[in-house]
Amino acid sequence: MTLRVTPGPPAGPADQVAARQDYQLVKDSLPRVRAAALAWRNGVGALLAGLIGFGLLKGRTDVGQLASPYDAVVGLLLLVALLAGTAAAVLLLRAAHGRPAATTVEEYRAHSGGSAIGADHTEALRAAGALFWGVVLSLSCTALLVTAVGVTWYGPAKKGPVIEVTTPAGARCGEVVRMTAGRLTLKTASGEVTIDLTRSDGLRAVDSCAPGASSLDEVRPPVAA
């Protein structure tokens, strides 16, 4: 089977106008992508600056005050946000200013066919791809930071020091609330309990109160053999 190719009709004024518009569109594609990348870079920077300022308004600021495993979750979120933000910054800079390297002659001929407008168009496509992923990673970084701030603010707090006081009636266990005039007030599961330290046999710091305590968190001392 023989395929015959014949010339088409001659180009008219409308075809010439369309070709000129296409040429101008391709020629201006790289400056448009560069301008868009600069605008996105400034907008993302302002967004992150506003987020940091918002995070300083109120709420818990020390991750060490969070209970486990929420402290580790916040640390992981911040690490992933840092990686995403760094990658986004690199991609946005790549889109706005190009690669930090010169284009070799072989690469120029391979990707553009030796045409200057072809090289600009190829660079415009690469810059547009870098801009897209830079925006995606920037928004991901913002979402991760917001999540980390929310967990830091509203996550459960780490429990305070727990004290067990041994008295003739048994043992009281709870968090220290205050101590005045030889009297120690503990916060227990049933409420606050005040103990006269002058009548206590001893006290010690424990990791947690013993299970199975009464409504007053009283644990009887072991009977001597």
Protein backbone atom coordinates (compact mmCIF):
# COMPACT_ATOMS: atom_id res chain seq x y z
CA MET A 1 0.00 0.00 0.00
CA THR A 2 1.43 3.34 -1.07
CA LEU A 3 0.78 6.46 0.93
CA ARG A 4 0.72 9.61 -1.10
CA VAL A 5 1.24 12.98 0.56
CA THR A 6 0.09 16.04 -1.30
CA PRO A 7 0.58 19.66 -0.33
CA GLY A 8 -2.33 21.34 1.38
CA PRO A 9 -3.96 24.59 0.44
CA PRO A 10 -1.85 27.73 0.74
CA ALA A 11 -1.97 29.53 4.07
CA GLY A 12 -4.32 32.44 4.20
CA PRO A 13 -4.27 35.57 6.37
CA ALA A 14 -6.18 33.78 9.17
CA ASP A 15 -3.64 30.96 9.23
CA GLN A 16 -0.79 33.45 9.42
CA VAL A 17 -2.44 35.26 12.34
CA ALA A 18 -3.02 31.96 14.19
CA ALA A 19 0.59 30.87 13.61
CA ARG A 20 1.86 34.22 14.87
CA GLN A 21 -0.31 33.96 17.99
CA ASP A 22 0.89 30.41 18.67
CA TYR A 23 4.49 31.52 18.26
CA GLN A 24 3.98 34.42 20.66
CA LEU A 25 2.21 32.14 23.15
CA VAL A 26 5.13 29.70 23.20
CA LYS A 27 7.65 32.53 23.32
CA ASP A 28 5.96 34.15 26.34
CA SER A 29 5.32 30.90 28.22
CA LEU A 30 8.58 30.97 30.20
CA PRO A 31 8.21 34.57 31.48
CA ARG A 32 4.62 33.82 32.51
CA VAL A 33 5.69 30.75 34.47
CA ARG A 34 8.53 32.71 36.10
CA ALA A 35 6.14 35.49 37.14
CA ALA A 36 3.62 32.98 38.51
CA ALA A 37 6.36 31.23 40.50
CA LEU A 38 7.46 34.55 42.05
CA ALA A 39 3.87 35.34 43.02
CA TRP A 40 3.35 31.90 44.57
CA ARG A 41 6.68 32.13 46.40
CA ASN A 42 5.71 35.46 47.99
CA GLY A 43 2.21 34.25 48.80
CA VAL A 44 3.40 31.02 50.43
CA GLY A 45 6.01 32.96 52.42
CA ALA A 46 3.33 35.32 53.72
CA LEU A 47 1.08 32.37 54.59
CA LEU A 48 3.80 30.62 56.59
CA ALA A 49 4.74 33.87 58.34
CA GLY A 50 1.11 34.40 59.33
CA LEU A 51 0.87 30.82 60.56
CA ILE A 52 3.95 31.23 62.75
CA GLY A 53 2.53 34.46 64.17
CA PHE A 54 -0.79 32.73 64.86
CA GLY A 55 0.99 29.90 66.66
CA LEU A 56 2.55 32.39 69.06
CA LEU A 57 -0.80 33.83 70.19
CA LYS A 58 -1.75 31.35 72.89
CA GLY A 59 -1.72 27.71 73.85
CA ARG A 60 0.87 25.25 75.05
CA THR A 61 4.30 25.94 73.55
CA ASP A 62 6.41 23.20 75.17
CA VAL A 63 6.08 19.83 73.44
CA GLY A 64 7.59 18.24 76.54
CA GLN A 65 4.35 19.01 78.42
CA LEU A 66 2.41 16.58 76.22
CA ALA A 67 1.62 13.05 77.30
CA SER A 68 3.10 10.14 75.39
CA PRO A 69 2.74 9.39 72.46
CA TYR A 70 1.42 12.84 71.52
CA ASP A 71 4.83 14.44 72.05
CA ALA A 72 6.36 12.01 69.52
CA VAL A 73 3.50 12.64 67.08
CA VAL A 74 4.12 16.40 67.20
CA GLY A 75 7.84 15.84 66.67
CA LEU A 76 7.15 13.63 63.64
CA LEU A 77 4.70 16.16 62.19
CA LEU A 78 7.23 18.96 62.57
CA LEU A 79 9.95 16.86 60.92
CA VAL A 80 7.76 15.99 57.92
CA ALA A 81 6.64 19.62 57.68
CA LEU A 82 10.28 20.74 57.65
CA LEU A 83 11.14 18.31 54.85
CA ALA A 84 8.07 19.30 52.83
CA GLY A 85 8.77 23.01 53.33
CA THR A 86 12.40 22.63 52.30
CA ALA A 87 11.47 20.72 49.15
CA ALA A 88 8.76 23.26 48.35
CA ALA A 89 11.19 26.17 48.72
CA VAL A 90 13.70 24.50 46.40
CA LEU A 91 11.03 23.77 43.78
CA LEU A 92 9.60 27.29 43.90
CA LEU A 93 13.07 28.78 43.53
CA ARG A 94 13.69 26.39 40.66
CA ALA A 95 10.52 27.54 38.96
CA ALA A 96 11.19 31.23 39.56
CA HIS A 97 14.89 31.40 38.70
CA GLY A 98 15.77 28.22 36.82
CA ARG A 99 18.32 25.54 37.59
CA PRO A 100 21.60 26.49 39.27
CA ALA A 101 23.52 25.06 36.30
CA ALA A 102 24.32 25.89 32.68
CA THR A 103 22.71 24.00 29.79
CA THR A 104 25.16 21.98 27.76
CA VAL A 105 25.17 22.04 23.96
CA GLU A 106 24.20 18.36 23.80
CA GLU A 107 21.23 18.91 26.11
CA TYR A 108 20.23 22.01 24.17
CA ARG A 109 20.18 20.12 20.87
CA ALA A 110 18.52 17.04 22.34
CA HIS A 111 15.57 18.82 23.96
CA SER A 112 15.06 21.83 21.72
CA GLY A 113 16.37 20.76 18.33
CA GLY A 114 18.81 23.65 18.34
CA SER A 115 16.00 26.24 18.51
CA ALA A 116 16.04 29.03 21.08
CA ILE A 117 12.26 29.11 21.34
CA GLY A 118 12.25 25.33 21.68
CA ALA A 119 14.69 25.57 24.57
CA ASP A 120 12.53 28.23 26.26
CA HIS A 121 9.44 26.10 25.81
CA THR A 122 11.15 23.05 27.32
CA GLU A 123 12.31 25.14 30.28
CA ALA A 124 8.81 26.56 30.67
CA LEU A 125 7.37 23.04 30.93
CA ARG A 126 9.97 22.06 33.53
CA ALA A 127 9.39 25.25 35.51
CA ALA A 128 5.62 24.70 35.42
CA GLY A 129 6.08 21.19 36.80
CA ALA A 130 8.36 22.49 39.57
CA LEU A 131 5.82 25.22 40.36
CA PHE A 132 2.97 22.70 40.64
CA TRP A 133 4.80 20.39 43.03
CA GLY A 134 6.19 23.34 44.96
CA VAL A 135 2.66 24.61 45.60
CA VAL A 136 1.45 21.13 46.59
CA LEU A 137 4.30 20.65 49.06
CA SER A 138 3.85 24.18 50.44
CA LEU A 139 0.18 23.54 51.20
CA SER A 140 1.12 20.16 52.69
CA CYS A 141 3.69 21.86 54.91
CA THR A 142 1.05 24.36 56.06
CA ALA A 143 -1.42 21.58 56.86
CA LEU A 144 1.22 19.65 58.82
CA LEU A 145 2.16 22.74 60.82
CA VAL A 146 -1.48 23.48 61.64
CA THR A 147 -1.96 19.89 62.76
CA ALA A 148 1.17 20.01 64.92
CA VAL A 149 0.02 23.26 66.56
CA GLY A 150 -3.44 21.81 67.18
CA VAL A 151 -2.04 18.67 68.81
CA THR A 152 0.33 20.79 70.91
CA TRP A 153 -2.50 22.98 72.12
CA TYR A 154 -5.23 20.43 72.71
CA GLY A 155 -3.35 17.18 73.30
CA PRO A 156 -3.48 15.67 76.80
CA ALA A 157 -0.92 17.05 79.22
CA LYS A 158 1.71 14.91 80.86
CA LYS A 159 0.80 13.95 84.41
CA GLY A 160 2.58 15.75 87.19
CA PRO A 161 4.69 14.11 89.89
CA VAL A 162 2.84 11.52 91.96
CA ILE A 163 3.51 11.25 95.69
CA GLU A 164 2.57 8.39 97.99
CA VAL A 165 2.28 9.30 101.65
CA THR A 166 2.21 6.53 104.24
CA THR A 167 0.04 7.21 107.28
CA PRO A 168 -1.06 5.05 110.23
CA ALA A 169 -4.39 4.58 108.44
CA GLY A 170 -2.83 3.53 105.17
CA ALA A 171 -1.32 5.27 102.14
CA ARG A 172 -2.59 8.25 100.21
CA CYS A 173 -1.46 8.68 96.59
CA GLY A 174 -1.93 11.56 94.14
CA GLU A 175 -0.49 14.64 92.48
CA VAL A 176 0.86 17.43 94.67
CA VAL A 177 -1.42 20.47 94.77
CA ARG A 178 0.14 22.51 97.55
CA MET A 179 1.90 22.22 100.89
CA THR A 180 1.42 24.75 103.70
CA ALA A 181 2.12 24.62 107.44
CA GLY A 182 3.09 20.98 107.39
CA ARG A 183 -0.05 19.92 105.56
CA LEU A 184 0.17 18.37 102.08
CA THR A 185 -2.76 18.50 99.67
CA LEU A 186 -2.91 15.78 97.02
CA LYS A 187 -5.14 15.60 93.95
CA THR A 188 -6.59 12.11 93.83
CA ALA A 189 -9.14 10.39 91.63
CA SER A 190 -11.87 11.21 94.18
CA GLY A 191 -10.81 14.82 94.77
CA GLU A 192 -8.32 16.71 96.90
CA VAL A 193 -7.06 15.09 100.11
CA THR A 194 -5.14 17.00 102.77
CA ILE A 195 -2.65 15.06 104.91
CA ASP A 196 -0.97 16.15 108.13
CA LEU A 197 2.70 15.38 107.49
CA THR A 198 3.50 15.46 111.20
CA ARG A 199 1.44 12.31 111.59
CA SER A 200 2.73 10.53 108.48
CA ASP A 201 5.25 7.72 108.53
CA GLY A 202 6.95 8.67 105.24
CA LEU A 203 6.47 9.70 101.65
CA ARG A 204 7.99 8.76 98.33
CA ALA A 205 7.69 9.63 94.63
CA VAL A 206 6.10 6.92 92.49
CA ASP A 207 5.42 6.57 88.77
CA SER A 208 1.69 6.03 89.30
CA CYS A 209 -0.75 5.32 92.05
CA ALA A 210 -1.31 1.67 92.86
CA PRO A 211 -4.37 0.13 91.14
CA GLY A 212 -7.38 -0.96 93.12
CA ALA A 213 -7.31 1.98 95.50
CA SER A 214 -10.45 3.01 97.38
CA SER A 215 -12.45 6.12 96.57
CA LEU A 216 -9.97 8.04 98.67
CA ASP A 217 -6.98 6.46 96.90
CA GLU A 218 -6.09 4.73 100.14
CA VAL A 219 -3.80 1.70 99.95
CA ARG A 220 -3.33 -0.31 103.13
CA PRO A 221 0.29 -1.03 104.09
CA PRO A 222 1.39 -4.64 103.98
CA VAL A 223 0.99 -6.59 107.19
CA ALA A 224 4.29 -7.39 108.88
CA ALA A 225 5.17 -11.05 108.97
